[in-house]
Amino acid sequence: MEEPGGGNMTDGQKDIFGTGTLRSLPRIRDVKRRRESSWDRTGANNDFVKIPAGKTHVVAKIKGAGCVTHIWMTLRSNDVNYLRNNVLRTYWDGEDHPSIEVPIGDFFGMGHGLTKNFSSAPLAMSPEHGKSFNCFFAMPFAKGARIEVTNENPADELILYYYVDYESFAALEEGIGRFHAQWRRKNPCRGIDEGKMDNLEFQGVWHHAGSSKNLDGTDNYVILEAEGLGHYVGCHLDVRNLRMTNEWNWYGEGDDMIFIDDDEWPPTLHGTGTEDYFNTAWCPTQEYTSPYHGVILSGGPNWADRITLYRYHIEDPIQFSKRIRVTIEHGHANHRSDDYSSTAYWYQLEPHKRFPKLPSQKGRIP
């Protein structure tokens, strides 16, 4: 039978995957609802698992076809850097290399090793003080899924509560991408020596930008590099302002540049500035969250200290058929030397390009 806007599907496949919108809720689908959680198998109320220092806990090991629809977690540890020292990894369909490899706090939408109440469509941190983590990205698989949390702190154990909600199918239709997430950091980004530059020239203010130009994007901060067929669905970017000055110290003015497939220069998607890519304006100092974009942390006075911004391409995914390179300047023409980290989210058909090695525990500390 021919599905509207799609290819041929058998009766057994019809609407198996679903769409998850309010409009689709009346549609009855032939799937089975399942859950893996940390409930106390003894019947007592110790509904958590303890992960010793240096050990891995398999949160879910699922056979067959299905789709993870929701993950909830909350953690407790004596380790002040537990959100960066504990790593979430997932493997789809028996693959050898993870499709998700992200420090656990960053995976759920915010960096800096912090938690804070915020909400977006795919990710949220909920009370108390943002320590309840939720992910609603759909994560399909055809032959099985394995989700793990590794406690990479050498001394402190982790207490972990979790739900993994999923649907079980008879089979997964063809052409469904697998979910991926990758964490990166550059601390500090390679900027320039201010020398005797006027502050406005260094900052790259549009009416005083001097002669500085970026006409290749070579030194941009890289949020994502992937190869294959798929679409990028967004990121959060975490900046720590490392420039010590009493002068105007806005961290932005960095254009987003997204190179798709065979792009050289200019890229297919060239933006106009840091806050513009994240759908805000005029050097924001206010915190704001919405379904697809927001500012979870806006920095202190004069944009000092820590900033977290997010942009999710849920309604406007960015497709690639060979490769994609998602980048952003760190300051105008890459002038600034701040601490940048990010988590990128995307779907693609397997196999995926193996991720760069995750920075060491020391390299992840905020």
Protein backbone atom coordinates (compact mmCIF):
# COMPACT_ATOMS: atom_id res chain seq x y z
CA MET A 1 0.00 0.00 0.00
CA GLU A 2 1.13 3.55 -0.67
CA GLU A 3 1.53 5.78 2.36
CA PRO A 4 0.89 9.52 1.85
CA GLY A 5 4.17 11.19 1.04
CA GLY A 6 6.14 7.96 1.42
CA GLY A 7 7.06 4.70 -0.22
CA ASN A 8 5.36 1.34 -0.26
CA MET A 9 4.78 -0.29 3.11
CA THR A 10 3.24 -3.61 4.02
CA ASP A 11 0.28 -3.87 6.39
CA GLY A 12 2.66 -5.19 9.05
CA GLN A 13 4.83 -2.11 8.75
CA LYS A 14 2.09 0.48 8.55
CA ASP A 15 2.54 3.17 11.21
CA ILE A 16 4.87 0.99 13.27
CA PHE A 17 7.30 3.84 13.76
CA GLY A 18 4.68 6.50 14.49
CA THR A 19 5.19 10.25 14.67
CA GLY A 20 4.73 11.14 18.32
CA THR A 21 2.69 14.30 17.75
CA LEU A 22 -0.62 15.26 19.36
CA ARG A 23 -2.31 14.82 16.00
CA SER A 24 -1.06 11.26 15.70
CA LEU A 25 -2.21 10.08 19.13
CA PRO A 26 -5.61 8.75 17.92
CA ARG A 27 -3.84 6.37 15.53
CA ILE A 28 -3.73 2.85 16.99
CA ARG A 29 -0.44 1.10 16.27
CA ASP A 30 0.64 -2.51 16.57
CA VAL A 31 3.57 -2.10 18.98
CA LYS A 32 4.39 -3.27 22.50
CA ARG A 33 5.42 -0.86 25.24
CA ARG A 34 8.44 -1.83 27.33
CA ARG A 35 10.67 -0.37 30.05
CA GLU A 36 14.05 -0.96 31.66
CA SER A 37 14.52 0.75 35.04
CA SER A 38 16.53 0.64 38.25
CA TRP A 39 13.65 -0.61 40.42
CA ASP A 40 14.63 -2.63 43.49
CA ARG A 41 14.24 -6.30 42.57
CA THR A 42 13.96 -7.24 46.27
CA GLY A 43 10.74 -5.27 46.64
CA ALA A 44 12.34 -2.71 48.94
CA ASN A 45 12.75 0.97 48.10
CA ASN A 46 16.39 1.07 47.04
CA ASP A 47 15.38 1.84 43.46
CA PHE A 48 18.85 2.64 42.18
CA VAL A 49 22.06 0.98 41.10
CA LYS A 50 25.53 1.67 42.43
CA ILE A 51 28.30 1.94 39.86
CA PRO A 52 31.70 1.50 41.50
CA ALA A 53 34.62 3.72 40.49
CA GLY A 54 35.94 2.72 37.08
CA LYS A 55 33.06 0.34 36.28
CA THR A 56 30.30 0.19 33.67
CA HIS A 57 26.62 -0.57 34.25
CA VAL A 58 24.45 -1.83 31.39
CA VAL A 59 21.30 0.26 31.73
CA ALA A 60 19.44 -1.58 28.98
CA LYS A 61 20.18 -4.54 26.73
CA ILE A 62 17.32 -4.99 24.30
CA LYS A 63 16.89 -7.67 21.63
CA GLY A 64 15.06 -7.29 18.35
CA ALA A 65 13.58 -4.20 16.73
CA GLY A 66 12.17 -1.18 18.49
CA CYS A 67 12.59 2.44 19.42
CA VAL A 68 13.65 4.14 22.65
CA THR A 69 11.09 6.90 23.23
CA HIS A 70 12.19 8.40 26.55
CA ILE A 71 15.14 8.27 28.95
CA TRP A 72 14.96 9.62 32.49
CA MET A 73 17.91 9.65 34.89
CA THR A 74 19.04 11.21 38.13
CA LEU A 75 22.42 10.75 39.77
CA ARG A 76 24.18 11.23 43.08
CA SER A 77 27.91 11.22 43.80
CA ASN A 78 30.50 12.73 46.10
CA ASP A 79 32.49 13.58 42.97
CA VAL A 80 32.07 17.31 42.26
CA ASN A 81 32.69 16.59 38.55
CA TYR A 82 30.33 13.61 38.32
CA LEU A 83 28.39 15.08 35.37
CA ARG A 84 31.56 15.03 33.26
CA ASN A 85 33.19 11.93 34.76
CA ASN A 86 30.25 9.62 34.04
CA VAL A 87 29.77 8.82 30.35
CA LEU A 88 26.66 7.64 28.51
CA ARG A 89 27.26 5.29 25.58
CA THR A 90 24.80 3.52 23.32
CA TYR A 91 25.27 0.86 20.65
CA TRP A 92 22.65 0.06 18.02
CA ASP A 93 22.27 -3.28 16.25
CA GLY A 94 25.43 -4.88 17.64
CA GLU A 95 27.83 -2.18 16.40
CA ASP A 96 31.38 -2.13 17.81
CA HIS A 97 31.69 1.63 18.24
CA PRO A 98 29.14 3.76 20.10
CA SER A 99 26.62 5.97 18.35
CA ILE A 100 26.28 8.03 21.53
CA GLU A 101 29.34 8.91 23.59
CA VAL A 102 28.76 11.95 25.79
CA PRO A 103 29.41 12.94 29.42
CA ILE A 104 26.08 12.30 31.08
CA GLY A 105 25.26 15.89 32.10
CA ASP A 106 26.08 17.22 28.64
CA PHE A 107 23.96 14.59 26.94
CA PHE A 108 20.84 15.91 28.64
CA GLY A 109 21.31 19.41 27.27
CA MET A 110 23.65 21.46 29.45
CA GLY A 111 27.40 21.65 29.94
CA HIS A 112 29.87 23.05 32.46
CA GLY A 113 29.24 20.12 34.80
CA LEU A 114 26.14 21.92 36.06
CA THR A 115 22.42 21.28 36.37
CA LYS A 116 19.72 23.92 36.02
CA ASN A 117 15.98 23.84 35.43
CA PHE A 118 15.24 24.26 31.72
CA SER A 119 12.90 22.80 29.13
CA SER A 120 13.10 22.21 25.40
CA ALA A 121 11.21 19.82 23.13
CA PRO A 122 13.79 17.01 23.05
CA LEU A 123 15.69 17.59 26.32
CA ALA A 124 14.95 18.92 29.79
CA MET A 125 16.40 19.26 33.26
CA SER A 126 13.62 19.36 35.84
CA PRO A 127 13.34 20.13 39.57
CA GLU A 128 14.92 19.76 42.00
CA HIS A 129 17.54 22.24 40.69
CA GLY A 130 17.67 20.55 37.29
CA LYS A 131 18.80 17.20 38.68
CA SER A 132 16.06 15.24 36.91
CA PHE A 133 17.23 14.54 33.35
CA ASN A 134 14.88 13.77 30.43
CA CYS A 135 15.47 12.94 26.78
CA PHE A 136 12.64 12.51 24.24
CA PHE A 137 14.70 11.98 21.08
CA ALA A 138 13.45 8.86 19.28
CA MET A 139 16.17 6.20 19.06
CA PRO A 140 15.22 3.35 16.69
CA PHE A 141 17.04 0.05 16.22
CA ALA A 142 16.49 -3.05 14.08
CA LYS A 143 18.39 -5.86 15.83
CA GLY A 144 19.01 -4.65 19.36
CA ALA A 145 20.23 -1.84 21.61
CA ARG A 146 22.73 -1.56 24.45
CA ILE A 147 22.83 1.50 26.71
CA GLU A 148 25.64 1.88 29.23
CA VAL A 149 26.83 4.32 31.88
CA THR A 150 30.52 4.23 32.81
CA ASN A 151 31.79 5.79 36.03
CA GLU A 152 35.21 7.04 34.97
CA ASN A 153 36.01 8.60 38.35
CA PRO A 154 38.85 6.54 39.90
CA ALA A 155 37.65 6.95 43.50
CA ASP A 156 33.93 7.71 43.95
CA GLU A 157 30.97 5.46 43.28
CA LEU A 158 27.88 6.68 41.46
CA ILE A 159 24.26 6.17 42.49
CA LEU A 160 22.04 6.06 39.40
CA TYR A 161 18.25 5.98 39.07
CA TYR A 162 16.87 5.50 35.56
CA TYR A 163 13.99 4.66 33.23
CA VAL A 164 14.49 3.65 29.60
CA ASP A 165 11.07 3.59 27.91
CA TYR A 166 10.83 1.92 24.51
CA GLU A 167 8.55 0.28 22.01
CA SER A 168 9.12 -3.19 20.64
CA PHE A 169 8.32 -3.90 16.97
CA ALA A 170 8.12 -7.03 14.85
CA ALA A 171 10.52 -5.31 12.43
CA LEU A 172 11.88 -1.86 11.68
CA GLU A 173 11.11 -0.48 8.24
CA GLU A 174 13.93 0.36 5.85
CA GLY A 175 15.43 3.82 5.62
CA ILE A 176 15.20 4.73 9.32
CA GLY A 177 18.23 6.59 10.65
CA ARG A 178 19.97 5.78 13.90
CA PHE A 179 20.34 8.44 16.58
CA HIS A 180 23.83 9.77 17.32
CA ALA A 181 25.29 12.22 19.84
CA GLN A 182 28.86 13.41 20.17
CA TRP A 183 30.67 15.65 22.66
CA ARG A 184 33.61 17.90 21.80
CA ARG A 185 35.73 20.46 23.62
CA LYS A 186 38.47 22.96 22.78
CA ASN A 187 40.04 24.61 25.82
CA PRO A 188 41.10 27.17 24.90
CA CYS A 189 40.20 27.83 21.29
CA ARG A 190 43.15 29.15 19.33
CA GLY A 191 42.60 32.90 19.11
CA ILE A 192 44.91 35.78 18.26
CA ASP A 193 47.15 38.09 20.23
CA GLU A 194 45.26 41.34 20.76
CA GLY A 195 48.49 43.32 20.60
CA LYS A 196 47.64 46.98 20.12
CA MET A 197 44.27 46.33 18.53
CA ASP A 198 41.41 48.56 19.55
CA ASN A 199 38.91 46.58 21.66
CA LEU A 200 36.09 47.03 19.13
CA GLU A 201 38.36 45.87 16.33
CA PHE A 202 39.36 42.79 18.33
CA GLN A 203 35.72 42.05 19.11
CA GLY A 204 34.83 42.43 15.44
CA VAL A 205 32.01 44.91 15.93
CA TRP A 206 30.33 45.33 12.56
CA HIS A 207 31.07 49.05 12.19
CA HIS A 208 34.64 48.71 13.44
CA ALA A 209 35.80 45.36 12.16
CA GLY A 210 39.11 46.52 10.72
CA SER A 211 40.77 44.26 8.17
CA SER A 212 40.21 40.89 9.90
CA LYS A 213 38.53 38.36 7.62
CA ASN A 214 37.71 34.67 7.68
CA LEU A 215 37.33 33.31 4.17
CA ASP A 216 37.80 29.58 4.67
CA GLY A 217 36.51 28.59 8.13
CA THR A 218 39.64 26.54 8.79
CA ASP A 219 40.09 27.57 12.43
CA ASN A 220 36.40 27.52 13.38
CA TYR A 221 35.29 25.52 16.40
CA VAL A 222 33.95 22.19 15.12
CA ILE A 223 30.63 21.07 16.62
CA LEU A 224 30.19 18.02 14.39
CA GLU A 225 31.89 16.10 11.60
CA ALA A 226 29.95 13.12 10.26
CA GLU A 227 29.97 11.00 7.11
CA GLY A 228 27.13 9.14 5.45
CA LEU A 229 23.48 9.85 4.75
CA GLY A 230 21.44 11.61 7.40
CA HIS A 231 20.43 14.89 8.99
CA TYR A 232 21.77 17.07 11.78
CA VAL A 233 19.14 17.95 14.38
CA GLY A 234 20.93 20.42 16.61
CA CYS A 235 23.33 21.09 19.44
CA HIS A 236 24.00 22.95 22.62
CA LEU A 237 27.12 25.10 22.88
CA ASP A 238 28.84 25.85 26.17
CA VAL A 239 31.26 28.75 26.41
CA ARG A 240 33.42 29.83 29.32
CA ASN A 241 34.59 33.40 28.83
CA LEU A 242 38.34 33.32 29.54
CA ARG A 243 39.17 36.89 28.57
CA MET A 244 39.94 39.08 31.57
CA THR A 245 39.13 42.69 30.80
CA ASN A 246 37.03 45.59 32.02
CA GLU A 247 36.32 46.54 28.42
CA TRP A 248 33.27 45.33 26.48
CA ASN A 249 33.74 41.53 26.61
CA TRP A 250 30.98 40.00 24.47
CA TYR A 251 31.96 36.41 23.60
CA GLY A 252 30.04 36.24 20.32
CA GLU A 253 30.27 37.70 16.80
CA GLY A 254 31.21 34.20 15.58
CA ASP A 255 29.39 33.18 12.38
CA ASP A 256 27.99 29.67 12.09
CA MET A 257 29.25 27.85 8.98
CA ILE A 258 27.80 24.46 8.03
CA PHE A 259 29.60 22.64 5.22
CA ILE A 260 27.46 20.00 3.50
CA ASP A 261 28.69 17.19 1.20
CA ASP A 262 31.21 18.62 -1.29
CA ASP A 263 31.23 22.21 0.01
CA GLU A 264 34.51 24.06 -0.15
CA TRP A 265 33.97 27.82 0.29
CA PRO A 266 31.53 29.33 0.98
CA PRO A 267 29.54 26.69 2.89
CA THR A 268 25.95 25.87 1.98
CA LEU A 269 24.76 27.45 5.23
CA HIS A 270 26.58 30.61 6.34
CA GLY A 271 25.15 32.54 9.28
CA THR A 272 25.65 36.01 10.70
CA GLY A 273 26.69 35.56 14.31
CA THR A 274 26.68 33.43 17.43
CA GLU A 275 23.45 34.70 18.94
CA ASP A 276 21.80 34.67 15.51
CA TYR A 277 22.37 30.94 15.01
CA PHE A 278 20.83 30.30 18.43
CA ASN A 279 17.81 32.42 17.41
CA THR A 280 18.43 35.30 19.82
CA ALA A 281 19.66 38.83 19.15
CA TRP A 282 21.72 41.80 20.28
CA CYS A 283 24.23 40.10 22.58
CA PRO A 284 21.70 38.52 24.96
CA THR A 285 22.10 38.87 28.70
CA GLN A 286 18.77 37.24 29.55
CA GLU A 287 18.03 33.57 30.12
CA TYR A 288 15.28 32.11 27.95
CA THR A 289 14.06 28.64 26.99
CA SER A 290 11.65 27.49 24.29
CA PRO A 291 11.00 24.19 22.47
CA TYR A 292 13.75 24.61 19.89
CA HIS A 293 16.17 27.31 21.05
CA GLY A 294 17.26 29.08 24.18
CA VAL A 295 19.85 30.50 26.56
CA ILE A 296 20.13 28.36 29.69
CA LEU A 297 23.05 30.35 31.10
CA SER A 298 23.72 33.89 29.90
CA GLY A 299 26.96 34.63 31.75
CA GLY A 300 27.60 37.12 34.48
CA PRO A 301 28.20 40.89 34.23
CA ASN A 302 29.95 41.76 30.97
CA TRP A 303 29.29 38.15 29.82
CA ALA A 304 31.84 36.81 32.29
CA ASP A 305 32.06 33.15 33.23
CA ARG A 306 29.70 30.50 31.74
CA ILE A 307 27.20 30.52 28.89
CA THR A 308 24.99 27.73 27.50
CA LEU A 309 22.90 28.11 24.33
CA TYR A 310 20.91 25.54 22.35
CA ARG A 311 19.39 25.21 18.89
CA TYR A 312 17.44 22.11 17.87
CA HIS A 313 16.57 21.59 14.19
CA ILE A 314 13.42 19.60 14.87
CA GLU A 315 11.27 21.43 12.31
CA ASP A 316 14.20 22.19 9.99
CA PRO A 317 16.72 19.30 10.03
CA ILE A 318 19.86 19.83 7.97
CA GLN A 319 20.28 16.98 5.49
CA PHE A 320 23.54 15.59 4.17
CA SER A 321 24.12 12.78 1.67
CA LYS A 322 27.92 12.37 1.98
CA ARG A 323 29.21 14.34 4.93
CA ILE A 324 28.59 17.35 7.15
CA ARG A 325 30.84 19.70 9.08
CA VAL A 326 29.06 21.98 11.56
CA THR A 327 31.30 24.82 12.75
CA ILE A 328 31.17 28.23 14.39
CA GLU A 329 33.73 31.01 14.78
CA HIS A 330 35.01 31.66 18.30
CA GLY A 331 34.64 35.42 18.16
CA HIS A 332 34.79 37.40 14.92
CA ALA A 333 37.28 35.73 12.54
CA ASN A 334 38.24 33.39 15.40
CA HIS A 335 39.85 36.15 17.44
CA ARG A 336 38.84 34.87 20.88
CA SER A 337 40.46 32.16 23.02
CA ASP A 338 37.56 30.97 25.17
CA ASP A 339 36.76 27.46 26.45
CA TYR A 340 34.23 25.87 24.05
CA SER A 341 32.41 22.57 24.45
CA SER A 342 29.34 21.18 22.70
CA THR A 343 27.06 18.22 22.18
CA ALA A 344 25.77 17.56 18.66
CA TYR A 345 22.75 15.39 17.85
CA TRP A 346 21.97 13.81 14.48
CA TYR A 347 20.42 10.84 12.66
CA GLN A 348 22.08 8.84 9.92
CA LEU A 349 22.14 5.46 8.26
CA GLU A 350 24.89 3.17 9.49
CA PRO A 351 27.78 2.77 9.40
CA HIS A 352 28.85 6.06 10.98
CA LYS A 353 32.29 7.60 11.07
CA ARG A 354 34.07 6.55 14.24
CA PHE A 355 34.13 9.36 16.78
CA PRO A 356 37.33 11.12 17.83
CA LYS A 357 38.66 9.78 21.12
CA LEU A 358 36.74 11.26 24.03
CA PRO A 359 39.00 13.66 25.99
CA SER A 360 40.50 12.24 29.15
CA GLN A 361 38.89 12.74 32.53
CA LYS A 362 41.23 15.71 33.11
CA GLY A 363 40.33 17.11 29.69
CA ARG A 364 36.63 17.07 30.57
CA ILE A 365 36.76 18.83 33.92
CA PRO A 366 34.94 22.18 33.76
